[in-house]
Protein backbone atom coordinates (compact mmCIF):
# COMPACT_ATOMS: atom_id res chain seq x y z
CA UNK A 1 0.00 0.00 0.00
CA UNK A 2 2.89 2.37 0.77
CA UNK A 3 4.43 1.51 -2.59
CA UNK A 4 1.19 2.28 -4.41
CA UNK A 5 0.80 5.61 -2.61
CA UNK A 6 4.41 6.49 -3.42
CA UNK A 7 3.84 5.64 -7.08
CA UNK A 8 0.71 7.82 -7.11
CA UNK A 9 2.60 10.77 -5.62
CA UNK A 10 5.46 10.33 -8.07
CA UNK A 11 2.95 10.30 -10.93
CA UNK A 12 1.31 13.48 -9.60
CA UNK A 13 4.68 15.20 -9.40
CA UNK A 14 5.53 14.15 -12.97
CA UNK A 15 2.11 15.30 -14.17
CA UNK A 16 2.61 18.74 -12.57
CA UNK A 17 6.08 18.97 -14.08
CA UNK A 18 4.76 17.99 -17.54
CA UNK A 19 1.64 20.19 -17.54
CA UNK A 20 2.81 23.21 -15.55
CA UNK A 21 6.55 23.14 -16.08
CA UNK A 22 9.50 22.49 -13.80
CA UNK A 23 9.36 25.94 -12.15
CA UNK A 24 5.71 26.06 -11.16
CA UNK A 25 4.26 26.25 -7.62
CA UNK A 26 2.26 23.03 -8.16
CA UNK A 27 5.43 21.20 -9.19
CA UNK A 28 7.27 22.49 -6.13
CA UNK A 29 4.42 21.58 -3.76
CA UNK A 30 4.16 18.08 -5.18
CA UNK A 31 7.92 17.67 -4.73
CA UNK A 32 7.57 18.75 -1.11
CA UNK A 33 4.67 16.38 -0.46
CA UNK A 34 6.53 13.46 -2.03
CA UNK A 35 9.69 14.31 -0.11
CA UNK A 36 7.86 14.39 3.23
CA UNK A 37 6.12 11.12 2.35
CA UNK A 38 9.39 9.42 1.43
CA UNK A 39 10.91 10.60 4.69
CA UNK A 40 8.01 9.11 6.63
CA UNK A 41 8.53 5.89 4.71
CA UNK A 42 12.19 5.76 5.75
CA UNK A 43 13.65 6.75 2.39
CA UNK A 44 15.56 9.66 3.89
CA UNK A 45 18.22 10.07 1.21
CA UNK A 46 15.71 10.56 -1.61
CA UNK A 47 13.47 12.58 0.70
CA UNK A 48 16.28 15.01 1.51
CA UNK A 49 17.11 15.50 -2.17
CA UNK A 50 13.48 16.22 -3.10
CA UNK A 51 12.90 18.46 -0.10
CA UNK A 52 16.03 20.50 -0.87
CA UNK A 53 14.88 20.90 -4.49
CA UNK A 54 11.36 21.83 -3.39
CA UNK A 55 12.71 24.28 -0.83
CA UNK A 56 14.93 26.00 -3.40
CA UNK A 57 12.11 26.22 -5.94
CA UNK A 58 9.50 27.40 -3.42
CA UNK A 59 11.90 30.05 -2.14
CA UNK A 60 12.60 31.20 -5.69
CA UNK A 61 8.89 31.34 -6.53
CA UNK A 62 7.43 32.77 -3.32
CA UNK A 63 10.26 34.24 -1.28
CA UNK A 64 11.75 32.86 1.92
CA UNK A 65 8.88 33.77 4.27
CA UNK A 66 6.16 31.77 2.47
CA UNK A 67 4.26 29.10 4.45
CA UNK A 68 4.99 26.45 1.79
CA UNK A 69 8.69 27.20 2.26
CA UNK A 70 8.25 26.69 6.01
CA UNK A 71 6.51 23.35 5.50
CA UNK A 72 9.32 22.15 3.20
CA UNK A 73 11.84 23.27 5.84
CA UNK A 74 9.89 21.36 8.46
CA UNK A 75 9.98 18.16 6.41
CA UNK A 76 13.68 18.62 5.74
CA UNK A 77 14.40 19.20 9.44
CA UNK A 78 12.59 15.98 10.34
CA UNK A 79 14.45 14.04 7.64
CA UNK A 80 17.84 15.45 8.62
CA UNK A 81 17.17 14.62 12.28
CA UNK A 82 16.61 10.98 11.37
CA UNK A 83 19.90 10.94 9.44
CA UNK A 84 21.83 12.53 12.30
CA UNK A 85 22.58 15.85 10.57
CA UNK A 86 21.44 17.65 13.70
CA UNK A 87 23.07 21.07 13.30
CA UNK A 88 21.59 21.50 9.84
CA UNK A 89 18.26 20.07 11.02
CA UNK A 90 18.14 22.57 13.87
CA UNK A 91 18.60 25.51 11.49
CA UNK A 92 15.69 24.37 9.33
CA UNK A 93 13.52 23.56 12.36
CA UNK A 94 14.16 26.95 13.92
CA UNK A 95 13.39 28.72 10.64
CA UNK A 96 10.21 26.69 10.09
CA UNK A 97 9.01 27.35 13.64
CA UNK A 98 9.30 31.11 13.19
CA UNK A 99 7.70 31.13 9.77
CA UNK A 100 4.75 28.90 10.73
CA UNK A 101 3.94 31.08 13.74
CA UNK A 102 4.06 34.15 11.49
CA UNK A 103 1.93 32.49 8.78
CA UNK A 104 -0.64 30.62 10.86
CA UNK A 105 -0.46 31.95 14.41
CA UNK A 106 1.09 30.33 17.46
CA UNK A 107 -1.91 28.14 18.25
CA UNK A 108 -2.23 26.55 14.81
CA UNK A 109 -1.38 22.86 14.74
CA UNK A 110 1.24 23.34 12.01
CA UNK A 111 3.05 25.93 14.14
CA UNK A 112 2.88 23.56 17.12
CA UNK A 113 4.24 20.74 14.97
CA UNK A 114 7.14 22.96 13.90
CA UNK A 115 7.94 23.80 17.54
CA UNK A 116 7.76 20.08 18.34
CA UNK A 117 10.24 19.37 15.57
CA UNK A 118 12.53 22.08 16.91
CA UNK A 119 12.32 20.53 20.39
CA UNK A 120 12.93 17.05 19.00
CA UNK A 121 16.11 18.21 17.29
CA UNK A 122 17.31 19.82 20.52
CA UNK A 123 16.56 16.58 22.41
CA UNK A 124 18.50 14.59 19.81
CA UNK A 125 21.40 17.00 20.38
CA UNK A 126 21.24 16.26 24.12
CA UNK A 127 20.05 19.80 24.88
CA UNK A 128 17.25 18.57 27.14
CA UNK A 129 16.73 21.78 29.09
CA UNK A 130 16.01 23.71 25.89
CA UNK A 131 13.95 20.88 24.41
CA UNK A 132 11.66 20.32 27.39
CA UNK A 133 9.55 23.51 27.24
CA UNK A 134 9.22 23.28 23.46
CA UNK A 135 8.15 19.63 23.53
CA UNK A 136 5.72 20.05 26.43
CA UNK A 137 4.12 23.21 25.06
CA UNK A 138 3.83 21.89 21.53
CA UNK A 139 2.32 18.61 22.73
CA UNK A 140 -0.27 20.49 24.79
CA UNK A 141 -1.08 22.79 21.86
CA UNK A 142 -1.51 19.81 19.53
CA UNK A 143 -3.56 17.91 22.11
CA UNK A 144 -5.89 20.86 22.69
CA UNK A 145 -6.41 21.69 19.02
CA UNK A 146 -9.28 19.73 17.45
CA UNK A 147 -7.73 20.16 13.98
CA UNK A 148 -4.59 18.20 14.91
CA UNK A 149 -4.17 14.99 12.97
CA UNK A 150 -3.97 12.02 15.37
CA UNK A 151 -0.66 10.84 13.93
CA UNK A 152 0.98 14.17 14.79
CA UNK A 153 -0.42 14.12 18.31
CA UNK A 154 0.94 10.62 18.81
CA UNK A 155 4.39 11.64 17.57
CA UNK A 156 4.43 14.72 19.76
CA UNK A 157 3.52 12.64 22.81
CA UNK A 158 6.21 10.09 21.91
CA UNK A 159 8.73 12.94 21.70
CA UNK A 160 7.86 14.05 25.24
CA UNK A 161 8.03 10.46 26.52
CA UNK A 162 11.44 9.93 24.86
CA UNK A 163 12.73 13.19 26.32
CA UNK A 164 11.77 12.27 29.88
CA UNK A 165 13.15 8.77 29.48
CA UNK A 166 16.45 10.22 28.24
CA UNK A 167 16.46 12.56 31.24
CA UNK A 168 15.91 9.62 33.59
CA UNK A 169 12.48 10.89 34.63
CA UNK A 170 10.58 7.65 34.12
CA UNK A 171 7.63 8.75 36.26
CA UNK A 172 6.91 11.75 34.02
CA UNK A 173 7.41 9.65 30.90
CA UNK A 174 4.92 7.10 32.27
CA UNK A 175 2.33 9.81 32.95
CA UNK A 176 2.51 10.98 29.32
CA UNK A 177 2.40 7.40 28.07
CA UNK A 178 -0.72 6.73 30.17
CA UNK A 179 -2.32 9.92 28.87
CA UNK A 180 -1.82 8.56 25.37
CA UNK A 181 -3.60 5.35 26.29
CA UNK A 182 -6.67 7.38 27.28
CA UNK A 183 -6.80 9.17 23.91
CA UNK A 184 -8.86 8.01 20.98
CA UNK A 185 -7.71 4.89 19.10
CA UNK A 186 -5.39 5.62 16.23
CA UNK A 187 -3.69 8.57 17.91
C-alpha atoms as a PDB file:
ATOM      1  CA  UNK A   1       0.000   0.000   0.000  1.00  0.00           C
ATOM      2  CA  UNK A   2       2.893   2.373   0.770  1.00  0.00           C
ATOM      3  CA  UNK A   3       4.426   1.509  -2.594  1.00  0.00           C
ATOM      4  CA  UNK A   4       1.192   2.284  -4.411  1.00  0.00           C
ATOM      5  CA  UNK A   5       0.800   5.610  -2.606  1.00  0.00           C
ATOM      6  CA  UNK A   6       4.408   6.492  -3.415  1.00  0.00           C
ATOM      7  CA  UNK A   7       3.839   5.645  -7.078  1.00  0.00           C
ATOM      8  CA  UNK A   8       0.715   7.819  -7.105  1.00  0.00           C
ATOM      9  CA  UNK A   9       2.600  10.772  -5.623  1.00  0.00           C
ATOM     10  CA  UNK A  10       5.462  10.328  -8.075  1.00  0.00           C
ATOM     11  CA  UNK A  11       2.951  10.302 -10.926  1.00  0.00           C
ATOM     12  CA  UNK A  12       1.312  13.477  -9.596  1.00  0.00           C
ATOM     13  CA  UNK A  13       4.680  15.202  -9.400  1.00  0.00           C
ATOM     14  CA  UNK A  14       5.527  14.148 -12.971  1.00  0.00           C
ATOM     15  CA  UNK A  15       2.109  15.303 -14.165  1.00  0.00           C
ATOM     16  CA  UNK A  16       2.606  18.735 -12.566  1.00  0.00           C
ATOM     17  CA  UNK A  17       6.081  18.972 -14.083  1.00  0.00           C
ATOM     18  CA  UNK A  18       4.763  17.990 -17.543  1.00  0.00           C
ATOM     19  CA  UNK A  19       1.644  20.188 -17.542  1.00  0.00           C
ATOM     20  CA  UNK A  20       2.812  23.211 -15.551  1.00  0.00           C
ATOM     21  CA  UNK A  21       6.551  23.142 -16.082  1.00  0.00           C
ATOM     22  CA  UNK A  22       9.501  22.495 -13.802  1.00  0.00           C
ATOM     23  CA  UNK A  23       9.355  25.935 -12.150  1.00  0.00           C
ATOM     24  CA  UNK A  24       5.706  26.060 -11.161  1.00  0.00           C
ATOM     25  CA  UNK A  25       4.256  26.246  -7.625  1.00  0.00           C
ATOM     26  CA  UNK A  26       2.261  23.026  -8.157  1.00  0.00           C
ATOM     27  CA  UNK A  27       5.427  21.199  -9.194  1.00  0.00           C
ATOM     28  CA  UNK A  28       7.268  22.494  -6.130  1.00  0.00           C
ATOM     29  CA  UNK A  29       4.422  21.582  -3.763  1.00  0.00           C
ATOM     30  CA  UNK A  30       4.157  18.077  -5.182  1.00  0.00           C
ATOM     31  CA  UNK A  31       7.924  17.667  -4.727  1.00  0.00           C
ATOM     32  CA  UNK A  32       7.572  18.752  -1.111  1.00  0.00           C
ATOM     33  CA  UNK A  33       4.670  16.377  -0.465  1.00  0.00           C
ATOM     34  CA  UNK A  34       6.527  13.459  -2.028  1.00  0.00           C
ATOM     35  CA  UNK A  35       9.695  14.314  -0.113  1.00  0.00           C
ATOM     36  CA  UNK A  36       7.858  14.395   3.228  1.00  0.00           C
ATOM     37  CA  UNK A  37       6.121  11.122   2.355  1.00  0.00           C
ATOM     38  CA  UNK A  38       9.385   9.416   1.428  1.00  0.00           C
ATOM     39  CA  UNK A  39      10.909  10.601   4.690  1.00  0.00           C
ATOM     40  CA  UNK A  40       8.014   9.114   6.633  1.00  0.00           C
ATOM     41  CA  UNK A  41       8.532   5.885   4.705  1.00  0.00           C
ATOM     42  CA  UNK A  42      12.186   5.761   5.747  1.00  0.00           C
ATOM     43  CA  UNK A  43      13.654   6.754   2.388  1.00  0.00           C
ATOM     44  CA  UNK A  44      15.559   9.658   3.894  1.00  0.00           C
ATOM     45  CA  UNK A  45      18.223  10.072   1.212  1.00  0.00           C
ATOM     46  CA  UNK A  46      15.715  10.565  -1.608  1.00  0.00           C
ATOM     47  CA  UNK A  47      13.472  12.578   0.702  1.00  0.00           C
ATOM     48  CA  UNK A  48      16.284  15.011   1.509  1.00  0.00           C
ATOM     49  CA  UNK A  49      17.108  15.503  -2.174  1.00  0.00           C
ATOM     50  CA  UNK A  50      13.476  16.219  -3.098  1.00  0.00           C
ATOM     51  CA  UNK A  51      12.899  18.464  -0.095  1.00  0.00           C
ATOM     52  CA  UNK A  52      16.027  20.499  -0.865  1.00  0.00           C
ATOM     53  CA  UNK A  53      14.880  20.902  -4.485  1.00  0.00           C
ATOM     54  CA  UNK A  54      11.356  21.832  -3.389  1.00  0.00           C
ATOM     55  CA  UNK A  55      12.708  24.280  -0.833  1.00  0.00           C
ATOM     56  CA  UNK A  56      14.933  26.000  -3.396  1.00  0.00           C
ATOM     57  CA  UNK A  57      12.108  26.225  -5.939  1.00  0.00           C
ATOM     58  CA  UNK A  58       9.501  27.401  -3.422  1.00  0.00           C
ATOM     59  CA  UNK A  59      11.902  30.049  -2.137  1.00  0.00           C
ATOM     60  CA  UNK A  60      12.601  31.203  -5.689  1.00  0.00           C
ATOM     61  CA  UNK A  61       8.891  31.345  -6.533  1.00  0.00           C
ATOM     62  CA  UNK A  62       7.434  32.767  -3.317  1.00  0.00           C
ATOM     63  CA  UNK A  63      10.264  34.237  -1.284  1.00  0.00           C
ATOM     64  CA  UNK A  64      11.755  32.863   1.917  1.00  0.00           C
ATOM     65  CA  UNK A  65       8.876  33.774   4.267  1.00  0.00           C
ATOM     66  CA  UNK A  66       6.160  31.770   2.475  1.00  0.00           C
ATOM     67  CA  UNK A  67       4.258  29.102   4.452  1.00  0.00           C
ATOM     68  CA  UNK A  68       4.987  26.454   1.793  1.00  0.00           C
ATOM     69  CA  UNK A  69       8.695  27.196   2.264  1.00  0.00           C
ATOM     70  CA  UNK A  70       8.249  26.692   6.013  1.00  0.00           C
ATOM     71  CA  UNK A  71       6.513  23.348   5.500  1.00  0.00           C
ATOM     72  CA  UNK A  72       9.322  22.146   3.198  1.00  0.00           C
ATOM     73  CA  UNK A  73      11.844  23.274   5.840  1.00  0.00           C
ATOM     74  CA  UNK A  74       9.886  21.357   8.462  1.00  0.00           C
ATOM     75  CA  UNK A  75       9.983  18.162   6.414  1.00  0.00           C
ATOM     76  CA  UNK A  76      13.683  18.621   5.735  1.00  0.00           C
ATOM     77  CA  UNK A  77      14.403  19.198   9.435  1.00  0.00           C
ATOM     78  CA  UNK A  78      12.589  15.979  10.335  1.00  0.00           C
ATOM     79  CA  UNK A  79      14.447  14.039   7.643  1.00  0.00           C
ATOM     80  CA  UNK A  80      17.840  15.446   8.624  1.00  0.00           C
ATOM     81  CA  UNK A  81      17.169  14.619  12.283  1.00  0.00           C
ATOM     82  CA  UNK A  82      16.612  10.981  11.372  1.00  0.00           C
ATOM     83  CA  UNK A  83      19.898  10.940   9.442  1.00  0.00           C
ATOM     84  CA  UNK A  84      21.833  12.530  12.302  1.00  0.00           C
ATOM     85  CA  UNK A  85      22.583  15.851  10.567  1.00  0.00           C
ATOM     86  CA  UNK A  86      21.439  17.652  13.696  1.00  0.00           C
ATOM     87  CA  UNK A  87      23.071  21.075  13.296  1.00  0.00           C
ATOM     88  CA  UNK A  88      21.587  21.499   9.841  1.00  0.00           C
ATOM     89  CA  UNK A  89      18.258  20.067  11.017  1.00  0.00           C
ATOM     90  CA  UNK A  90      18.137  22.573  13.869  1.00  0.00           C
ATOM     91  CA  UNK A  91      18.604  25.507  11.492  1.00  0.00           C
ATOM     92  CA  UNK A  92      15.691  24.372   9.334  1.00  0.00           C
ATOM     93  CA  UNK A  93      13.521  23.558  12.361  1.00  0.00           C
ATOM     94  CA  UNK A  94      14.156  26.947  13.919  1.00  0.00           C
ATOM     95  CA  UNK A  95      13.390  28.717  10.644  1.00  0.00           C
ATOM     96  CA  UNK A  96      10.210  26.691  10.093  1.00  0.00           C
ATOM     97  CA  UNK A  97       9.007  27.354  13.643  1.00  0.00           C
ATOM     98  CA  UNK A  98       9.304  31.110  13.194  1.00  0.00           C
ATOM     99  CA  UNK A  99       7.697  31.129   9.769  1.00  0.00           C
ATOM    100  CA  UNK A 100       4.754  28.900  10.729  1.00  0.00           C
ATOM    101  CA  UNK A 101       3.942  31.081  13.743  1.00  0.00           C
ATOM    102  CA  UNK A 102       4.058  34.148  11.485  1.00  0.00           C
ATOM    103  CA  UNK A 103       1.933  32.490   8.780  1.00  0.00           C
ATOM    104  CA  UNK A 104      -0.643  30.616  10.857  1.00  0.00           C
ATOM    105  CA  UNK A 105      -0.463  31.951  14.412  1.00  0.00           C
ATOM    106  CA  UNK A 106       1.095  30.334  17.462  1.00  0.00           C
ATOM    107  CA  UNK A 107      -1.914  28.135  18.255  1.00  0.00           C
ATOM    108  CA  UNK A 108      -2.231  26.552  14.813  1.00  0.00           C
ATOM    109  CA  UNK A 109      -1.376  22.857  14.745  1.00  0.00           C
ATOM    110  CA  UNK A 110       1.244  23.336  12.009  1.00  0.00           C
ATOM    111  CA  UNK A 111       3.047  25.929  14.137  1.00  0.00           C
ATOM    112  CA  UNK A 112       2.882  23.559  17.124  1.00  0.00           C
ATOM    113  CA  UNK A 113       4.237  20.740  14.971  1.00  0.00           C
ATOM    114  CA  UNK A 114       7.137  22.958  13.904  1.00  0.00           C
ATOM    115  CA  UNK A 115       7.944  23.796  17.542  1.00  0.00           C
ATOM    116  CA  UNK A 116       7.757  20.083  18.343  1.00  0.00           C
ATOM    117  CA  UNK A 117      10.239  19.370  15.575  1.00  0.00           C
ATOM    118  CA  UNK A 118      12.529  22.078  16.911  1.00  0.00           C
ATOM    119  CA  UNK A 119      12.315  20.532  20.391  1.00  0.00           C
ATOM    120  CA  UNK A 120      12.934  17.050  18.998  1.00  0.00           C
ATOM    121  CA  UNK A 121      16.111  18.215  17.288  1.00  0.00           C
ATOM    122  CA  UNK A 122      17.309  19.818  20.524  1.00  0.00           C
ATOM    123  CA  UNK A 123      16.563  16.580  22.407  1.00  0.00           C
ATOM    124  CA  UNK A 124      18.500  14.590  19.811  1.00  0.00           C
ATOM    125  CA  UNK A 125      21.403  16.996  20.381  1.00  0.00           C
ATOM    126  CA  UNK A 126      21.236  16.261  24.124  1.00  0.00           C
ATOM    127  CA  UNK A 127      20.048  19.798  24.881  1.00  0.00           C
ATOM    128  CA  UNK A 128      17.251  18.568  27.141  1.00  0.00           C
ATOM    129  CA  UNK A 129      16.728  21.777  29.095  1.00  0.00           C
ATOM    130  CA  UNK A 130      16.009  23.707  25.894  1.00  0.00           C
ATOM    131  CA  UNK A 131      13.955  20.879  24.413  1.00  0.00           C
ATOM    132  CA  UNK A 132      11.661  20.322  27.394  1.00  0.00           C
ATOM    133  CA  UNK A 133       9.550  23.512  27.235  1.00  0.00           C
ATOM    134  CA  UNK A 134       9.218  23.279  23.457  1.00  0.00           C
ATOM    135  CA  UNK A 135       8.152  19.633  23.535  1.00  0.00           C
ATOM    136  CA  UNK A 136       5.720  20.046  26.431  1.00  0.00           C
ATOM    137  CA  UNK A 137       4.124  23.209  25.061  1.00  0.00           C
ATOM    138  CA  UNK A 138       3.828  21.894  21.528  1.00  0.00           C
ATOM    139  CA  UNK A 139       2.320  18.613  22.728  1.00  0.00           C
ATOM    140  CA  UNK A 140      -0.267  20.494  24.786  1.00  0.00           C
ATOM    141  CA  UNK A 141      -1.081  22.787  21.859  1.00  0.00           C
ATOM    142  CA  UNK A 142      -1.508  19.811  19.528  1.00  0.00           C
ATOM    143  CA  UNK A 143      -3.562  17.909  22.113  1.00  0.00           C
ATOM    144  CA  UNK A 144      -5.894  20.856  22.694  1.00  0.00           C
ATOM    145  CA  UNK A 145      -6.410  21.690  19.022  1.00  0.00           C
ATOM    146  CA  UNK A 146      -9.285  19.729  17.450  1.00  0.00           C
ATOM    147  CA  UNK A 147      -7.734  20.161  13.977  1.00  0.00           C
ATOM    148  CA  UNK A 148      -4.595  18.196  14.914  1.00  0.00           C
ATOM    149  CA  UNK A 149      -4.168  14.992  12.973  1.00  0.00           C
ATOM    150  CA  UNK A 150      -3.975  12.020  15.369  1.00  0.00           C
ATOM    151  CA  UNK A 151      -0.662  10.835  13.929  1.00  0.00           C
ATOM    152  CA  UNK A 152       0.979  14.173  14.794  1.00  0.00           C
ATOM    153  CA  UNK A 153      -0.425  14.115  18.312  1.00  0.00           C
ATOM    154  CA  UNK A 154       0.942  10.621  18.815  1.00  0.00           C
ATOM    155  CA  UNK A 155       4.393  11.635  17.571  1.00  0.00           C
ATOM    156  CA  UNK A 156       4.428  14.721  19.764  1.00  0.00           C
ATOM    157  CA  UNK A 157       3.518  12.639  22.808  1.00  0.00           C
ATOM    158  CA  UNK A 158       6.206  10.088  21.914  1.00  0.00           C
ATOM    159  CA  UNK A 159       8.731  12.945  21.704  1.00  0.00           C
ATOM    160  CA  UNK A 160       7.861  14.046  25.236  1.00  0.00           C
ATOM    161  CA  UNK A 161       8.032  10.459  26.516  1.00  0.00           C
ATOM    162  CA  UNK A 162      11.436   9.929  24.863  1.00  0.00           C
ATOM    163  CA  UNK A 163      12.732  13.190  26.324  1.00  0.00           C
ATOM    164  CA  UNK A 164      11.767  12.269  29.876  1.00  0.00           C
ATOM    165  CA  UNK A 165      13.147   8.773  29.478  1.00  0.00           C
ATOM    166  CA  UNK A 166      16.452  10.220  28.236  1.00  0.00           C
ATOM    167  CA  UNK A 167      16.462  12.563  31.236  1.00  0.00           C
ATOM    168  CA  UNK A 168      15.909   9.617  33.593  1.00  0.00           C
ATOM    169  CA  UNK A 169      12.481  10.894  34.633  1.00  0.00           C
ATOM    170  CA  UNK A 170      10.582   7.646  34.116  1.00  0.00           C
ATOM    171  CA  UNK A 171       7.630   8.754  36.256  1.00  0.00           C
ATOM    172  CA  UNK A 172       6.906  11.752  34.022  1.00  0.00           C
ATOM    173  CA  UNK A 173       7.408   9.646  30.898  1.00  0.00           C
ATOM    174  CA  UNK A 174       4.924   7.104  32.270  1.00  0.00           C
ATOM    175  CA  UNK A 175       2.333   9.814  32.949  1.00  0.00           C
ATOM    176  CA  UNK A 176       2.510  10.982  29.319  1.00  0.00           C
ATOM    177  CA  UNK A 177       2.403   7.399  28.073  1.00  0.00           C
ATOM    178  CA  UNK A 178      -0.716   6.735  30.171  1.00  0.00           C
ATOM    179  CA  UNK A 179      -2.319   9.921  28.867  1.00  0.00           C
ATOM    180  CA  UNK A 180      -1.825   8.559  25.375  1.00  0.00           C
ATOM    181  CA  UNK A 181      -3.600   5.348  26.289  1.00  0.00           C
ATOM    182  CA  UNK A 182      -6.667   7.377  27.278  1.00  0.00           C
ATOM    183  CA  UNK A 183      -6.797   9.171  23.909  1.00  0.00           C
ATOM    184  CA  UNK A 184      -8.858   8.006  20.980  1.00  0.00           C
ATOM    185  CA  UNK A 185      -7.707   4.888  19.096  1.00  0.00           C
ATOM    186  CA  UNK A 186      -5.385   5.621  16.226  1.00  0.00           C
ATOM    187  CA  UNK A 187      -3.691   8.567  17.914  1.00  0.00           C
END
